[in-house]
Amino acid sequence: MGIGASIFLIVVGAILTFALNVSIGALDLNVVGWILMVGGLGGLIFTAFILAPRRRAITTTRTTGPTARTTEPTEYVQERTDL
């Protein structure tokens, strides 16, 4: 679940809880709204703290010293010996 979906769940839950005053049989929309808000908040926390650091991780390694690899030049120059 991404940040957008989490915020959407929070907004829909807040609308069901605080803005509507409708009764649908045995279904309590206040409880449904609170459940959606808690689920959206959980998804937002999960996305922000668990998934976000994985997306930003950049690893760079630089090796120097005696263990560093040296590369040979790709173009060789030959000395003239006929002078």
PDB file of N, CA and C in Angstrom:
ATOM      1  N   MET A   1       0.854  -1.160   0.000  1.00  0.00           N
ATOM      2  CA  MET A   1       0.000   0.000   0.000  1.00  0.00           C
ATOM      3  C   MET A   1       0.903   1.226   0.000  1.00  0.00           C
ATOM      4  N   GLY A   2       0.608   2.175  -0.847  1.00  0.00           N
ATOM      5  CA  GLY A   2       1.407   3.378  -0.937  1.00  0.00           C
ATOM      6  C   GLY A   2       0.861   4.492  -0.063  1.00  0.00           C
ATOM      7  N   ILE A   3       1.536   5.619  -0.131  1.00  0.00           N
ATOM      8  CA  ILE A   3       1.128   6.774   0.664  1.00  0.00           C
ATOM      9  C   ILE A   3      -0.232   7.278   0.198  1.00  0.00           C
ATOM     10  N   GLY A   4      -0.448   7.308  -1.110  1.00  0.00           N
ATOM     11  CA  GLY A   4      -1.719   7.793  -1.634  1.00  0.00           C
ATOM     12  C   GLY A   4      -2.900   6.948  -1.196  1.00  0.00           C
ATOM     13  N   ALA A   5      -2.748   5.635  -1.250  1.00  0.00           N
ATOM     14  CA  ALA A   5      -3.827   4.741  -0.830  1.00  0.00           C
ATOM     15  C   ALA A   5      -4.099   4.866   0.667  1.00  0.00           C
ATOM     16  N   SER A   6      -3.055   5.062   1.459  1.00  0.00           N
ATOM     17  CA  SER A   6      -3.228   5.220   2.903  1.00  0.00           C
ATOM     18  C   SER A   6      -3.995   6.496   3.219  1.00  0.00           C
ATOM     19  N   ILE A   7      -3.637   7.583   2.562  1.00  0.00           N
ATOM     20  CA  ILE A   7      -4.341   8.847   2.792  1.00  0.00           C
ATOM     21  C   ILE A   7      -5.791   8.736   2.322  1.00  0.00           C
ATOM     22  N   PHE A   8      -6.019   8.039   1.217  1.00  0.00           N
ATOM     23  CA  PHE A   8      -7.385   7.827   0.735  1.00  0.00           C
ATOM     24  C   PHE A   8      -8.225   7.080   1.772  1.00  0.00           C
ATOM     25  N   LEU A   9      -7.662   6.029   2.366  1.00  0.00           N
ATOM     26  CA  LEU A   9      -8.399   5.290   3.394  1.00  0.00           C
ATOM     27  C   LEU A   9      -8.699   6.154   4.611  1.00  0.00           C
ATOM     28  N   ILE A  10      -7.756   6.982   5.010  1.00  0.00           N
ATOM     29  CA  ILE A  10      -7.969   7.868   6.151  1.00  0.00           C
ATOM     30  C   ILE A  10      -9.094   8.858   5.849  1.00  0.00           C
ATOM     31  N   VAL A  11      -9.084   9.428   4.642  1.00  0.00           N
ATOM     32  CA  VAL A  11     -10.110  10.407   4.273  1.00  0.00           C
ATOM     33  C   VAL A  11     -11.490   9.760   4.202  1.00  0.00           C
ATOM     34  N   VAL A  12     -11.594   8.599   3.564  1.00  0.00           N
ATOM     35  CA  VAL A  12     -12.890   7.918   3.467  1.00  0.00           C
ATOM     36  C   VAL A  12     -13.387   7.524   4.865  1.00  0.00           C
ATOM     37  N   GLY A  13     -12.496   7.059   5.702  1.00  0.00           N
ATOM     38  CA  GLY A  13     -12.887   6.712   7.071  1.00  0.00           C
ATOM     39  C   GLY A  13     -13.351   7.915   7.863  1.00  0.00           C
ATOM     40  N   ALA A  14     -12.680   9.061   7.687  1.00  0.00           N
ATOM     41  CA  ALA A  14     -13.104  10.271   8.389  1.00  0.00           C
ATOM     42  C   ALA A  14     -14.464  10.746   7.888  1.00  0.00           C
ATOM     43  N   ILE A  15     -14.709  10.627   6.596  1.00  0.00           N
ATOM     44  CA  ILE A  15     -16.017  11.014   6.063  1.00  0.00           C
ATOM     45  C   ILE A  15     -17.106  10.110   6.628  1.00  0.00           C
ATOM     46  N   LEU A  16     -16.864   8.811   6.658  1.00  0.00           N
ATOM     47  CA  LEU A  16     -17.870   7.887   7.192  1.00  0.00           C
ATOM     48  C   LEU A  16     -18.108   8.112   8.681  1.00  0.00           C
ATOM     49  N   THR A  17     -17.057   8.466   9.422  1.00  0.00           N
ATOM     50  CA  THR A  17     -17.193   8.621  10.862  1.00  0.00           C
ATOM     51  C   THR A  17     -17.802   9.962  11.245  1.00  0.00           C
ATOM     52  N   PHE A  18     -17.305  11.040  10.671  1.00  0.00           N
ATOM     53  CA  PHE A  18     -17.664  12.363  11.165  1.00  0.00           C
ATOM     54  C   PHE A  18     -18.696  13.099  10.314  1.00  0.00           C
ATOM     55  N   ALA A  19     -18.799  12.802   9.022  1.00  0.00           N
ATOM     56  CA  ALA A  19     -19.664  13.600   8.160  1.00  0.00           C
ATOM     57  C   ALA A  19     -21.024  12.966   7.896  1.00  0.00           C
ATOM     58  N   LEU A  20     -21.130  11.670   7.968  1.00  0.00           N
ATOM     59  CA  LEU A  20     -22.392  11.015   7.651  1.00  0.00           C
ATOM     60  C   LEU A  20     -23.166  10.690   8.923  1.00  0.00           C
ATOM     61  N   ASN A  21     -24.474  10.839   8.801  1.00  0.00           N
ATOM     62  CA  ASN A  21     -25.358  10.479   9.900  1.00  0.00           C
ATOM     63  C   ASN A  21     -26.443   9.569   9.334  1.00  0.00           C
ATOM     64  N   VAL A  22     -26.013   8.425   8.804  1.00  0.00           N
ATOM     65  CA  VAL A  22     -26.912   7.497   8.129  1.00  0.00           C
ATOM     66  C   VAL A  22     -26.864   6.162   8.861  1.00  0.00           C
ATOM     67  N   SER A  23     -28.012   5.521   8.973  1.00  0.00           N
ATOM     68  CA  SER A  23     -28.080   4.205   9.600  1.00  0.00           C
ATOM     69  C   SER A  23     -28.456   3.180   8.537  1.00  0.00           C
ATOM     70  N   ILE A  24     -27.633   2.144   8.400  1.00  0.00           N
ATOM     71  CA  ILE A  24     -27.884   1.090   7.413  1.00  0.00           C
ATOM     72  C   ILE A  24     -28.028  -0.229   8.164  1.00  0.00           C
ATOM     73  N   GLY A  25     -29.206  -0.533   8.585  1.00  0.00           N
ATOM     74  CA  GLY A  25     -29.510  -1.809   9.244  1.00  0.00           C
ATOM     75  C   GLY A  25     -28.559  -2.121  10.390  1.00  0.00           C
ATOM     76  N   ALA A  26     -27.906  -3.275  10.292  1.00  0.00           N
ATOM     77  CA  ALA A  26     -27.001  -3.721  11.345  1.00  0.00           C
ATOM     78  C   ALA A  26     -25.575  -3.208  11.149  1.00  0.00           C
ATOM     79  N   LEU A  27     -25.328  -2.453  10.071  1.00  0.00           N
ATOM     80  CA  LEU A  27     -23.995  -1.952   9.768  1.00  0.00           C
ATOM     81  C   LEU A  27     -23.806  -0.576  10.401  1.00  0.00           C
ATOM     82  N   ASP A  28     -22.827  -0.451  11.260  1.00  0.00           N
ATOM     83  CA  ASP A  28     -22.532   0.825  11.913  1.00  0.00           C
ATOM     84  C   ASP A  28     -21.423   1.520  11.134  1.00  0.00           C
ATOM     85  N   LEU A  29     -21.753   2.607  10.431  1.00  0.00           N
ATOM     86  CA  LEU A  29     -20.776   3.299   9.594  1.00  0.00           C
ATOM     87  C   LEU A  29     -19.693   4.001  10.408  1.00  0.00           C
ATOM     88  N   ASN A  30     -19.987   4.341  11.668  1.00  0.00           N
ATOM     89  CA  ASN A  30     -18.954   4.931  12.514  1.00  0.00           C
ATOM     90  C   ASN A  30     -17.811   3.939  12.759  1.00  0.00           C
ATOM     91  N   VAL A  31     -18.170   2.700  13.028  1.00  0.00           N
ATOM     92  CA  VAL A  31     -17.150   1.670  13.270  1.00  0.00           C
ATOM     93  C   VAL A  31     -16.378   1.383  11.985  1.00  0.00           C
ATOM     94  N   VAL A  32     -17.064   1.321  10.861  1.00  0.00           N
ATOM     95  CA  VAL A  32     -16.397   1.099   9.579  1.00  0.00           C
ATOM     96  C   VAL A  32     -15.426   2.233   9.295  1.00  0.00           C
ATOM     97  N   GLY A  33     -15.838   3.470   9.570  1.00  0.00           N
ATOM     98  CA  GLY A  33     -14.962   4.624   9.371  1.00  0.00           C
ATOM     99  C   GLY A  33     -13.722   4.569  10.244  1.00  0.00           C
ATOM    100  N   TRP A  34     -13.910   4.203  11.512  1.00  0.00           N
ATOM    101  CA  TRP A  34     -12.742   4.104  12.404  1.00  0.00           C
ATOM    102  C   TRP A  34     -11.794   3.003  11.943  1.00  0.00           C
ATOM    103  N   ILE A  35     -12.350   1.887  11.485  1.00  0.00           N
ATOM    104  CA  ILE A  35     -11.508   0.789  10.999  1.00  0.00           C
ATOM    105  C   ILE A  35     -10.709   1.231   9.775  1.00  0.00           C
ATOM    106  N   LEU A  36     -11.357   1.959   8.858  1.00  0.00           N
ATOM    107  CA  LEU A  36     -10.648   2.453   7.679  1.00  0.00           C
ATOM    108  C   LEU A  36      -9.552   3.449   8.059  1.00  0.00           C
ATOM    109  N   MET A  37      -9.829   4.324   9.016  1.00  0.00           N
ATOM    110  CA  MET A  37      -8.812   5.297   9.439  1.00  0.00           C
ATOM    111  C   MET A  37      -7.616   4.604  10.096  1.00  0.00           C
ATOM    112  N   VAL A  38      -7.867   3.620  10.931  1.00  0.00           N
ATOM    113  CA  VAL A  38      -6.767   2.890  11.575  1.00  0.00           C
ATOM    114  C   VAL A  38      -5.968   2.104  10.539  1.00  0.00           C
ATOM    115  N   GLY A  39      -6.676   1.476   9.586  1.00  0.00           N
ATOM    116  CA  GLY A  39      -5.976   0.753   8.523  1.00  0.00           C
ATOM    117  C   GLY A  39      -5.138   1.689   7.661  1.00  0.00           C
ATOM    118  N   GLY A  40      -5.672   2.860   7.331  1.00  0.00           N
ATOM    119  CA  GLY A  40      -4.916   3.839   6.559  1.00  0.00           C
ATOM    120  C   GLY A  40      -3.711   4.360   7.316  1.00  0.00           C
ATOM    121  N   LEU A  41      -3.874   4.596   8.602  1.00  0.00           N
ATOM    122  CA  LEU A  41      -2.746   5.057   9.421  1.00  0.00           C
ATOM    123  C   LEU A  41      -1.677   3.971   9.525  1.00  0.00           C
ATOM    124  N   GLY A  42      -2.103   2.725   9.689  1.00  0.00           N
ATOM    125  CA  GLY A  42      -1.137   1.617   9.715  1.00  0.00           C
ATOM    126  C   GLY A  42      -0.393   1.486   8.401  1.00  0.00           C
ATOM    127  N   GLY A  43      -1.111   1.616   7.289  1.00  0.00           N
ATOM    128  CA  GLY A  43      -0.470   1.558   5.980  1.00  0.00           C
ATOM    129  C   GLY A  43       0.486   2.720   5.760  1.00  0.00           C
ATOM    130  N   LEU A  44       0.132   3.907   6.262  1.00  0.00           N
ATOM    131  CA  LEU A  44       1.006   5.069   6.131  1.00  0.00           C
ATOM    132  C   LEU A  44       2.292   4.884   6.932  1.00  0.00           C
ATOM    133  N   ILE A  45       2.176   4.369   8.125  1.00  0.00           N
ATOM    134  CA  ILE A  45       3.360   4.111   8.956  1.00  0.00           C
ATOM    135  C   ILE A  45       4.217   3.022   8.315  1.00  0.00           C
ATOM    136  N   PHE A  46       3.582   1.970   7.828  1.00  0.00           N
ATOM    137  CA  PHE A  46       4.322   0.883   7.182  1.00  0.00           C
ATOM    138  C   PHE A  46       5.082   1.387   5.957  1.00  0.00           C
ATOM    139  N   THR A  47       4.403   2.199   5.149  1.00  0.00           N
ATOM    140  CA  THR A  47       5.040   2.725   3.942  1.00  0.00           C
ATOM    141  C   THR A  47       6.182   3.679   4.284  1.00  0.00           C
ATOM    142  N   ALA A  48       5.975   4.535   5.257  1.00  0.00           N
ATOM    143  CA  ALA A  48       6.968   5.562   5.570  1.00  0.00           C
ATOM    144  C   ALA A  48       8.219   4.995   6.251  1.00  0.00           C
ATOM    145  N   PHE A  49       8.045   4.036   7.132  1.00  0.00           N
ATOM    146  CA  PHE A  49       9.187   3.568   7.918  1.00  0.00           C
ATOM    147  C   PHE A  49       9.778   2.239   7.466  1.00  0.00           C
ATOM    148  N   ILE A  50       9.025   1.433   6.775  1.00  0.00           N
ATOM    149  CA  ILE A  50       9.528   0.127   6.358  1.00  0.00           C
ATOM    150  C   ILE A  50       9.945   0.139   4.893  1.00  0.00           C
ATOM    151  N   LEU A  51       9.093   0.626   4.008  1.00  0.00           N
ATOM    152  CA  LEU A  51       9.386   0.558   2.581  1.00  0.00           C
ATOM    153  C   LEU A  51      10.231   1.719   2.075  1.00  0.00           C
ATOM    154  N   ALA A  52      10.078   2.896   2.640  1.00  0.00           N
ATOM    155  CA  ALA A  52      10.800   4.075   2.129  1.00  0.00           C
ATOM    156  C   ALA A  52      12.315   3.962   2.249  1.00  0.00           C
ATOM    157  N   PRO A  53      12.882   3.473   3.352  1.00  0.00           N
ATOM    158  CA  PRO A  53      14.351   3.379   3.399  1.00  0.00           C
ATOM    159  C   PRO A  53      14.930   2.428   2.360  1.00  0.00           C
ATOM    160  N   ARG A  54      14.207   1.403   1.966  1.00  0.00           N
ATOM    161  CA  ARG A  54      14.699   0.489   0.937  1.00  0.00           C
ATOM    162  C   ARG A  54      14.782   1.154  -0.422  1.00  0.00           C
ATOM    163  N   ARG A  55      13.886   2.066  -0.679  1.00  0.00           N
ATOM    164  CA  ARG A  55      13.882   2.739  -1.971  1.00  0.00           C
ATOM    165  C   ARG A  55      15.001   3.751  -2.095  1.00  0.00           C
ATOM    166  N   ARG A  56      15.494   4.280  -0.982  1.00  0.00           N
ATOM    167  CA  ARG A  56      16.505   5.321  -1.015  1.00  0.00           C
ATOM    168  C   ARG A  56      17.925   4.805  -0.863  1.00  0.00           C
ATOM    169  N   ALA A  57      18.113   3.555  -0.567  1.00  0.00           N
ATOM    170  CA  ALA A  57      19.435   3.030  -0.262  1.00  0.00           C
ATOM    171  C   ALA A  57      20.322   3.009  -1.505  1.00  0.00           C
ATOM    172  N   ILE A  58      21.426   3.724  -1.427  1.00  0.00           N
ATOM    173  CA  ILE A  58      22.419   3.731  -2.494  1.00  0.00           C
ATOM    174  C   ILE A  58      23.743   3.341  -1.852  1.00  0.00           C
ATOM    175  N   THR A  59      24.371   2.341  -2.384  1.00  0.00           N
ATOM    176  CA  THR A  59      25.624   1.861  -1.818  1.00  0.00           C
ATOM    177  C   THR A  59      26.744   2.105  -2.815  1.00  0.00           C
ATOM    178  N   THR A  60      27.787   2.748  -2.334  1.00  0.00           N
ATOM    179  CA  THR A  60      28.955   3.000  -3.166  1.00  0.00           C
ATOM    180  C   THR A  60      30.172   2.487  -2.415  1.00  0.00           C
ATOM    181  N   THR A  61      30.966   1.676  -3.085  1.00  0.00           N
ATOM    182  CA  THR A  61      32.189   1.182  -2.464  1.00  0.00           C
ATOM    183  C   THR A  61      33.370   1.656  -3.286  1.00  0.00           C
ATOM    184  N   ARG A  62      34.379   2.100  -2.589  1.00  0.00           N
ATOM    185  CA  ARG A  62      35.599   2.542  -3.248  1.00  0.00           C
ATOM    186  C   ARG A  62      36.756   1.808  -2.570  1.00  0.00           C
ATOM    187  N   THR A  63      37.551   1.158  -3.367  1.00  0.00           N
ATOM    188  CA  THR A  63      38.674   0.404  -2.832  1.00  0.00           C
ATOM    189  C   THR A  63      39.963   1.114  -3.192  1.00  0.00           C
ATOM    190  N   THR A  64      40.778   1.366  -2.185  1.00  0.00           N
ATOM    191  CA  THR A  64      42.081   1.981  -2.413  1.00  0.00           C
ATOM    192  C   THR A  64      43.131   1.189  -1.647  1.00  0.00           C
ATOM    193  N   GLY A  65      44.350   1.428  -1.959  1.00  0.00           N
ATOM    194  CA  GLY A  65      45.425   0.752  -1.238  1.00  0.00           C
ATOM    195  C   GLY A  65      45.909  -0.476  -1.965  1.00  0.00           C
ATOM    196  N   PRO A  66      46.587  -1.358  -1.257  1.00  0.00           N
ATOM    197  CA  PRO A  66      47.207  -2.514  -1.897  1.00  0.00           C
ATOM    198  C   PRO A  66      46.207  -3.528  -2.448  1.00  0.00           C
ATOM    199  N   THR A  67      44.983  -3.506  -1.982  1.00  0.00           N
ATOM    200  CA  THR A  67      44.007  -4.469  -2.486  1.00  0.00           C
ATOM    201  C   THR A  67      43.246  -3.944  -3.699  1.00  0.00           C
ATOM    202  N   ALA A  68      43.529  -2.706  -4.093  1.00  0.00           N
ATOM    203  CA  ALA A  68      42.820  -2.132  -5.235  1.00  0.00           C
ATOM    204  C   ALA A  68      43.306  -2.767  -6.530  1.00  0.00           C
ATOM    205  N   ARG A  69      42.419  -2.946  -7.454  1.00  0.00           N
ATOM    206  CA  ARG A  69      42.779  -3.506  -8.751  1.00  0.00           C
ATOM    207  C   ARG A  69      43.371  -2.410  -9.623  1.00  0.00           C
ATOM    208  N   THR A  70      44.375  -2.767 -10.340  1.00  0.00           N
ATOM    209  CA  THR A  70      44.931  -1.830 -11.315  1.00  0.00           C
ATOM    210  C   THR A  70      44.594  -2.357 -12.691  1.00  0.00           C
ATOM    211  N   THR A  71      44.247  -1.468 -13.567  1.00  0.00           N
ATOM    212  CA  THR A  71      43.900  -1.885 -14.919  1.00  0.00           C
ATOM    213  C   THR A  71      45.026  -1.528 -15.858  1.00  0.00           C
ATOM    214  N   GLU A  72      45.236  -2.376 -16.811  1.00  0.00           N
ATOM    215  CA  GLU A  72      46.248  -2.132 -17.823  1.00  0.00           C
ATOM    216  C   GLU A  72      45.698  -1.138 -18.840  1.00  0.00           C
ATOM    217  N   PRO A  73      46.569  -0.341 -19.431  1.00  0.00           N
ATOM    218  CA  PRO A  73      46.082   0.585 -20.450  1.00  0.00           C
ATOM    219  C   PRO A  73      45.564  -0.180 -21.662  1.00  0.00           C
ATOM    220  N   THR A  74      44.597   0.387 -22.298  1.00  0.00           N
ATOM    221  CA  THR A  74      43.994  -0.308 -23.434  1.00  0.00           C
ATOM    222  C   THR A  74      44.769  -0.059 -24.722  1.00  0.00           C
ATOM    223  N   GLU A  75      45.618   0.942 -24.762  1.00  0.00           N
ATOM    224  CA  GLU A  75      46.382   1.251 -25.956  1.00  0.00           C
ATOM    225  C   GLU A  75      47.865   1.209 -25.606  1.00  0.00           C
ATOM    226  N   TYR A  76      48.640   0.457 -26.378  1.00  0.00           N
ATOM    227  CA  TYR A  76      50.067   0.307 -26.101  1.00  0.00           C
ATOM    228  C   TYR A  76      50.881   1.120 -27.110  1.00  0.00           C
ATOM    229  N   VAL A  77      51.963   1.696 -26.632  1.00  0.00           N
ATOM    230  CA  VAL A  77      52.883   2.447 -27.505  1.00  0.00           C
ATOM    231  C   VAL A  77      54.167   1.651 -27.610  1.00  0.00           C
ATOM    232  N   GLN A  78      54.603   1.379 -28.821  1.00  0.00           N
ATOM    233  CA  GLN A  78      55.837   0.628 -29.017  1.00  0.00           C
ATOM    234  C   GLN A  78      56.998   1.613 -29.257  1.00  0.00           C
ATOM    235  N   GLU A  79      58.121   1.272 -28.695  1.00  0.00           N
ATOM    236  CA  GLU A  79      59.307   2.115 -28.910  1.00  0.00           C
ATOM    237  C   GLU A  79      59.961   1.759 -30.253  1.00  0.00           C
ATOM    238  N   ARG A  80      60.494   2.755 -30.875  1.00  0.00           N
ATOM    239  CA  ARG A  80      61.207   2.509 -32.128  1.00  0.00           C
ATOM    240  C   ARG A  80      62.640   2.106 -31.819  1.00  0.00           C
ATOM    241  N   THR A  81      63.080   1.014 -32.353  1.00  0.00           N
ATOM    242  CA  THR A  81      64.435   0.535 -32.125  1.00  0.00           C
ATOM    243  C   THR A  81      65.328   0.655 -33.376  1.00  0.00           C
ATOM    244  N   ASP A  82      64.817   1.182 -34.475  1.00  0.00           N
ATOM    245  CA  ASP A  82      65.591   1.247 -35.721  1.00  0.00           C
ATOM    246  C   ASP A  82      66.327   2.579 -35.877  1.00  0.00           C
ATOM    247  N   LEU A  83      66.431   3.387 -34.879  1.00  0.00           N
ATOM    248  CA  LEU A  83      67.114   4.665 -34.998  1.00  0.00           C
ATOM    249  C   LEU A  83      68.569   4.546 -34.921  1.00  0.00           C
TER     250      LEU A  83
END
